[in-house]
Amino acid sequence: MANMMDSPFKSISILYRKSHIWLNDSCTPYDLTAAQAVVILMVCDFVILTQDDITKRLGLDKSVIAKTVTKLVERGFLIRTTNPKDKRTYTIQPTEKAWKVYPFVKEQIEICFRRMTQHMTDTEQAEFKRLLLLAAETTIEQDD
């Protein structure tokens, strides 16, 4: 039987847990959690998304995203409006407050990535990032 440390799932779990701890710690000055910071990052990256898009792209439960978005709306980071194309869904957009914190969040995520890949060469880091993106996109496609 293979050693548990050889398991890619164990590695993914460690990377997820540690990166969220690091991001939680760095976002404390803005009173944001890692989960909230990631939602802000995604909404700013796309400028406008439906709440369902956020749920799908993050692979999280609809209720978790709804609670996170509601909290970010209440705190002035996001605007939620009824989707004109589908009245049953919501359109999410960043506010000026989100745009102000966006560069900081991007920087903190890059710092987290550098921390977890500090023993890799630049080429290995680029390949690792490419492979992570490919795996994430492939996983998201399977939900269609």
C-alpha atoms as a PDB file:
ATOM      1  CA  MET A   1       0.000   0.000   0.000  1.00  0.00           C
ATOM      2  CA  ALA A   2       1.273   3.456  -0.928  1.00  0.00           C
ATOM      3  CA  ASN A   3       2.370   5.910   1.725  1.00  0.00           C
ATOM      4  CA  MET A   4      -0.371   8.488   2.433  1.00  0.00           C
ATOM      5  CA  MET A   5       2.166  11.272   1.873  1.00  0.00           C
ATOM      6  CA  ASP A   6       2.419  10.063  -1.758  1.00  0.00           C
ATOM      7  CA  SER A   7      -1.268  10.790  -2.276  1.00  0.00           C
ATOM      8  CA  PRO A   8      -2.067  13.806  -4.475  1.00  0.00           C
ATOM      9  CA  PHE A   9      -5.244  14.283  -2.409  1.00  0.00           C
ATOM     10  CA  LYS A  10      -3.200  14.666   0.747  1.00  0.00           C
ATOM     11  CA  SER A  11      -1.021  17.244  -1.032  1.00  0.00           C
ATOM     12  CA  ILE A  12      -4.057  19.145  -2.329  1.00  0.00           C
ATOM     13  CA  SER A  13      -5.569  19.142   1.161  1.00  0.00           C
ATOM     14  CA  ILE A  14      -2.368  20.502   2.704  1.00  0.00           C
ATOM     15  CA  LEU A  15      -2.020  23.214   0.043  1.00  0.00           C
ATOM     16  CA  TYR A  16      -5.659  24.257   0.461  1.00  0.00           C
ATOM     17  CA  ARG A  17      -5.502  24.345   4.257  1.00  0.00           C
ATOM     18  CA  LYS A  18      -2.167  26.156   4.519  1.00  0.00           C
ATOM     19  CA  SER A  19      -2.980  28.698   1.796  1.00  0.00           C
ATOM     20  CA  HIS A  20      -6.266  29.540   3.532  1.00  0.00           C
ATOM     21  CA  ILE A  21      -4.482  29.963   6.870  1.00  0.00           C
ATOM     22  CA  TRP A  22      -1.921  32.285   5.248  1.00  0.00           C
ATOM     23  CA  LEU A  23      -4.601  34.249   3.391  1.00  0.00           C
ATOM     24  CA  ASN A  24      -6.804  34.518   6.507  1.00  0.00           C
ATOM     25  CA  ASP A  25      -3.851  35.898   8.453  1.00  0.00           C
ATOM     26  CA  SER A  26      -2.850  38.418   5.785  1.00  0.00           C
ATOM     27  CA  CYS A  27      -6.429  39.673   5.232  1.00  0.00           C
ATOM     28  CA  THR A  28      -7.026  40.398   8.929  1.00  0.00           C
ATOM     29  CA  PRO A  29      -6.300  44.146   8.510  1.00  0.00           C
ATOM     30  CA  TYR A  30      -9.261  44.342   6.100  1.00  0.00           C
ATOM     31  CA  ASP A  31     -11.422  42.185   8.368  1.00  0.00           C
ATOM     32  CA  LEU A  32     -11.782  39.649   5.555  1.00  0.00           C
ATOM     33  CA  THR A  33     -11.595  35.872   5.628  1.00  0.00           C
ATOM     34  CA  ALA A  34      -9.750  33.931   2.942  1.00  0.00           C
ATOM     35  CA  ALA A  35     -13.087  32.768   1.511  1.00  0.00           C
ATOM     36  CA  GLN A  36     -14.368  36.349   1.288  1.00  0.00           C
ATOM     37  CA  ALA A  37     -11.092  37.527  -0.267  1.00  0.00           C
ATOM     38  CA  VAL A  38     -11.305  34.827  -2.947  1.00  0.00           C
ATOM     39  CA  VAL A  39     -14.892  35.829  -3.820  1.00  0.00           C
ATOM     40  CA  ILE A  40     -13.829  39.496  -4.104  1.00  0.00           C
ATOM     41  CA  LEU A  41     -10.898  38.470  -6.307  1.00  0.00           C
ATOM     42  CA  MET A  42     -13.136  36.418  -8.589  1.00  0.00           C
ATOM     43  CA  VAL A  43     -15.822  39.095  -8.915  1.00  0.00           C
ATOM     44  CA  CYS A  44     -13.226  41.772  -9.685  1.00  0.00           C
ATOM     45  CA  ASP A  45     -11.499  39.475 -12.203  1.00  0.00           C
ATOM     46  CA  PHE A  46     -14.753  38.959 -14.107  1.00  0.00           C
ATOM     47  CA  VAL A  47     -16.353  42.378 -13.246  1.00  0.00           C
ATOM     48  CA  ILE A  48     -19.828  40.839 -13.350  1.00  0.00           C
ATOM     49  CA  LEU A  49     -20.875  37.289 -12.455  1.00  0.00           C
ATOM     50  CA  THR A  50     -24.015  35.538 -11.385  1.00  0.00           C
ATOM     51  CA  GLN A  51     -24.078  34.037  -7.921  1.00  0.00           C
ATOM     52  CA  ASP A  52     -24.370  30.639  -9.652  1.00  0.00           C
ATOM     53  CA  ASP A  53     -21.171  31.371 -11.625  1.00  0.00           C
ATOM     54  CA  ILE A  54     -19.295  32.013  -8.381  1.00  0.00           C
ATOM     55  CA  THR A  55     -20.657  28.800  -6.879  1.00  0.00           C
ATOM     56  CA  LYS A  56     -19.630  26.799  -9.942  1.00  0.00           C
ATOM     57  CA  ARG A  57     -16.173  28.340 -10.295  1.00  0.00           C
ATOM     58  CA  LEU A  58     -15.314  27.794  -6.632  1.00  0.00           C
ATOM     59  CA  GLY A  59     -16.954  24.383  -6.434  1.00  0.00           C
ATOM     60  CA  LEU A  60     -18.693  25.262  -3.183  1.00  0.00           C
ATOM     61  CA  ASP A  61     -22.214  24.758  -1.890  1.00  0.00           C
ATOM     62  CA  LYS A  62     -24.769  27.361  -3.021  1.00  0.00           C
ATOM     63  CA  SER A  63     -25.659  28.218   0.577  1.00  0.00           C
ATOM     64  CA  VAL A  64     -21.997  28.873   1.462  1.00  0.00           C
ATOM     65  CA  ILE A  65     -21.626  31.281  -1.470  1.00  0.00           C
ATOM     66  CA  ALA A  66     -24.979  32.935  -0.688  1.00  0.00           C
ATOM     67  CA  LYS A  67     -23.876  33.604   2.910  1.00  0.00           C
ATOM     68  CA  THR A  68     -20.453  34.873   1.817  1.00  0.00           C
ATOM     69  CA  VAL A  69     -21.943  37.165  -0.849  1.00  0.00           C
ATOM     70  CA  THR A  70     -24.587  38.460   1.594  1.00  0.00           C
ATOM     71  CA  LYS A  71     -21.889  39.326   4.124  1.00  0.00           C
ATOM     72  CA  LEU A  72     -19.801  41.084   1.442  1.00  0.00           C
ATOM     73  CA  VAL A  73     -22.873  43.016   0.244  1.00  0.00           C
ATOM     74  CA  GLU A  74     -23.656  44.073   3.833  1.00  0.00           C
ATOM     75  CA  ARG A  75     -20.056  45.211   4.299  1.00  0.00           C
ATOM     76  CA  GLY A  76     -20.077  47.237   1.072  1.00  0.00           C
ATOM     77  CA  PHE A  77     -17.726  45.105  -1.059  1.00  0.00           C
ATOM     78  CA  LEU A  78     -20.288  43.759  -3.536  1.00  0.00           C
ATOM     79  CA  ILE A  79     -23.546  44.782  -5.195  1.00  0.00           C
ATOM     80  CA  ARG A  80     -26.169  42.081  -5.733  1.00  0.00           C
ATOM     81  CA  THR A  81     -29.013  42.748  -8.171  1.00  0.00           C
ATOM     82  CA  THR A  82     -31.663  40.562  -9.753  1.00  0.00           C
ATOM     83  CA  ASN A  83     -30.325  39.149 -13.015  1.00  0.00           C
ATOM     84  CA  PRO A  84     -32.284  40.814 -15.853  1.00  0.00           C
ATOM     85  CA  LYS A  85     -31.867  37.666 -18.005  1.00  0.00           C
ATOM     86  CA  ASP A  86     -33.159  35.319 -15.286  1.00  0.00           C
ATOM     87  CA  LYS A  87     -35.190  36.823 -12.432  1.00  0.00           C
ATOM     88  CA  ARG A  88     -34.477  33.713 -10.280  1.00  0.00           C
ATOM     89  CA  THR A  89     -30.752  34.496 -10.105  1.00  0.00           C
ATOM     90  CA  TYR A  90     -28.548  37.359  -8.922  1.00  0.00           C
ATOM     91  CA  THR A  91     -25.865  39.354 -10.668  1.00  0.00           C
ATOM     92  CA  ILE A  92     -22.852  40.207  -8.508  1.00  0.00           C
ATOM     93  CA  GLN A  93     -20.562  43.190  -9.128  1.00  0.00           C
ATOM     94  CA  PRO A  94     -17.684  44.751  -7.171  1.00  0.00           C
ATOM     95  CA  THR A  95     -18.006  48.131  -5.459  1.00  0.00           C
ATOM     96  CA  GLU A  96     -15.304  50.778  -5.192  1.00  0.00           C
ATOM     97  CA  LYS A  97     -14.417  49.255  -1.806  1.00  0.00           C
ATOM     98  CA  ALA A  98     -13.785  45.878  -3.498  1.00  0.00           C
ATOM     99  CA  TRP A  99     -11.654  47.509  -6.197  1.00  0.00           C
ATOM    100  CA  LYS A 100      -9.548  49.173  -3.474  1.00  0.00           C
ATOM    101  CA  VAL A 101      -8.801  45.851  -1.726  1.00  0.00           C
ATOM    102  CA  TYR A 102      -8.426  43.882  -4.987  1.00  0.00           C
ATOM    103  CA  PRO A 103      -4.702  44.647  -5.604  1.00  0.00           C
ATOM    104  CA  PHE A 104      -3.911  43.693  -1.993  1.00  0.00           C
ATOM    105  CA  VAL A 105      -5.772  40.377  -2.305  1.00  0.00           C
ATOM    106  CA  LYS A 106      -4.021  39.587  -5.605  1.00  0.00           C
ATOM    107  CA  GLU A 107      -0.671  40.343  -3.991  1.00  0.00           C
ATOM    108  CA  GLN A 108      -1.422  38.160  -0.956  1.00  0.00           C
ATOM    109  CA  ILE A 109      -2.444  35.241  -3.170  1.00  0.00           C
ATOM    110  CA  GLU A 110       0.788  35.630  -5.131  1.00  0.00           C
ATOM    111  CA  ILE A 111       2.746  35.658  -1.848  1.00  0.00           C
ATOM    112  CA  CYS A 112       0.963  32.453  -0.779  1.00  0.00           C
ATOM    113  CA  PHE A 113       1.825  30.856  -4.125  1.00  0.00           C
ATOM    114  CA  ARG A 114       5.488  31.878  -3.785  1.00  0.00           C
ATOM    115  CA  ARG A 115       5.573  30.468  -0.240  1.00  0.00           C
ATOM    116  CA  MET A 116       4.269  27.082  -1.361  1.00  0.00           C
ATOM    117  CA  THR A 117       6.568  26.956  -4.412  1.00  0.00           C
ATOM    118  CA  GLN A 118       9.705  28.515  -2.953  1.00  0.00           C
ATOM    119  CA  HIS A 119      11.748  25.350  -3.588  1.00  0.00           C
ATOM    120  CA  MET A 120      10.760  25.294  -7.269  1.00  0.00           C
ATOM    121  CA  THR A 121      12.528  26.983 -10.152  1.00  0.00           C
ATOM    122  CA  ASP A 122      10.686  29.703 -12.080  1.00  0.00           C
ATOM    123  CA  THR A 123      10.020  27.156 -14.831  1.00  0.00           C
ATOM    124  CA  GLU A 124       8.636  24.638 -12.331  1.00  0.00           C
ATOM    125  CA  GLN A 125       6.442  27.327 -10.749  1.00  0.00           C
ATOM    126  CA  ALA A 126       5.016  28.286 -14.160  1.00  0.00           C
ATOM    127  CA  GLU A 127       4.372  24.632 -15.029  1.00  0.00           C
ATOM    128  CA  PHE A 128       2.800  23.961 -11.612  1.00  0.00           C
ATOM    129  CA  LYS A 129       0.507  26.981 -12.049  1.00  0.00           C
ATOM    130  CA  ARG A 130      -0.426  25.800 -15.562  1.00  0.00           C
ATOM    131  CA  LEU A 131      -1.198  22.281 -14.337  1.00  0.00           C
ATOM    132  CA  LEU A 132      -3.255  23.539 -11.385  1.00  0.00           C
ATOM    133  CA  LEU A 133      -5.310  25.710 -13.755  1.00  0.00           C
ATOM    134  CA  LEU A 134      -5.805  22.793 -16.140  1.00  0.00           C
ATOM    135  CA  ALA A 135      -6.936  20.515 -13.291  1.00  0.00           C
ATOM    136  CA  ALA A 136      -9.320  23.172 -11.941  1.00  0.00           C
ATOM    137  CA  GLU A 137     -10.826  23.916 -15.362  1.00  0.00           C
ATOM    138  CA  THR A 138     -11.247  20.191 -16.074  1.00  0.00           C
ATOM    139  CA  THR A 139     -12.993  19.736 -12.729  1.00  0.00           C
ATOM    140  CA  ILE A 140     -15.336  22.696 -13.313  1.00  0.00           C
ATOM    141  CA  GLU A 141     -16.255  21.381 -16.797  1.00  0.00           C
ATOM    142  CA  GLN A 142     -17.461  18.117 -15.235  1.00  0.00           C
ATOM    143  CA  ASP A 143     -20.204  19.995 -13.362  1.00  0.00           C
ATOM    144  CA  ASP A 144     -21.889  21.056 -16.625  1.00  0.00           C
END
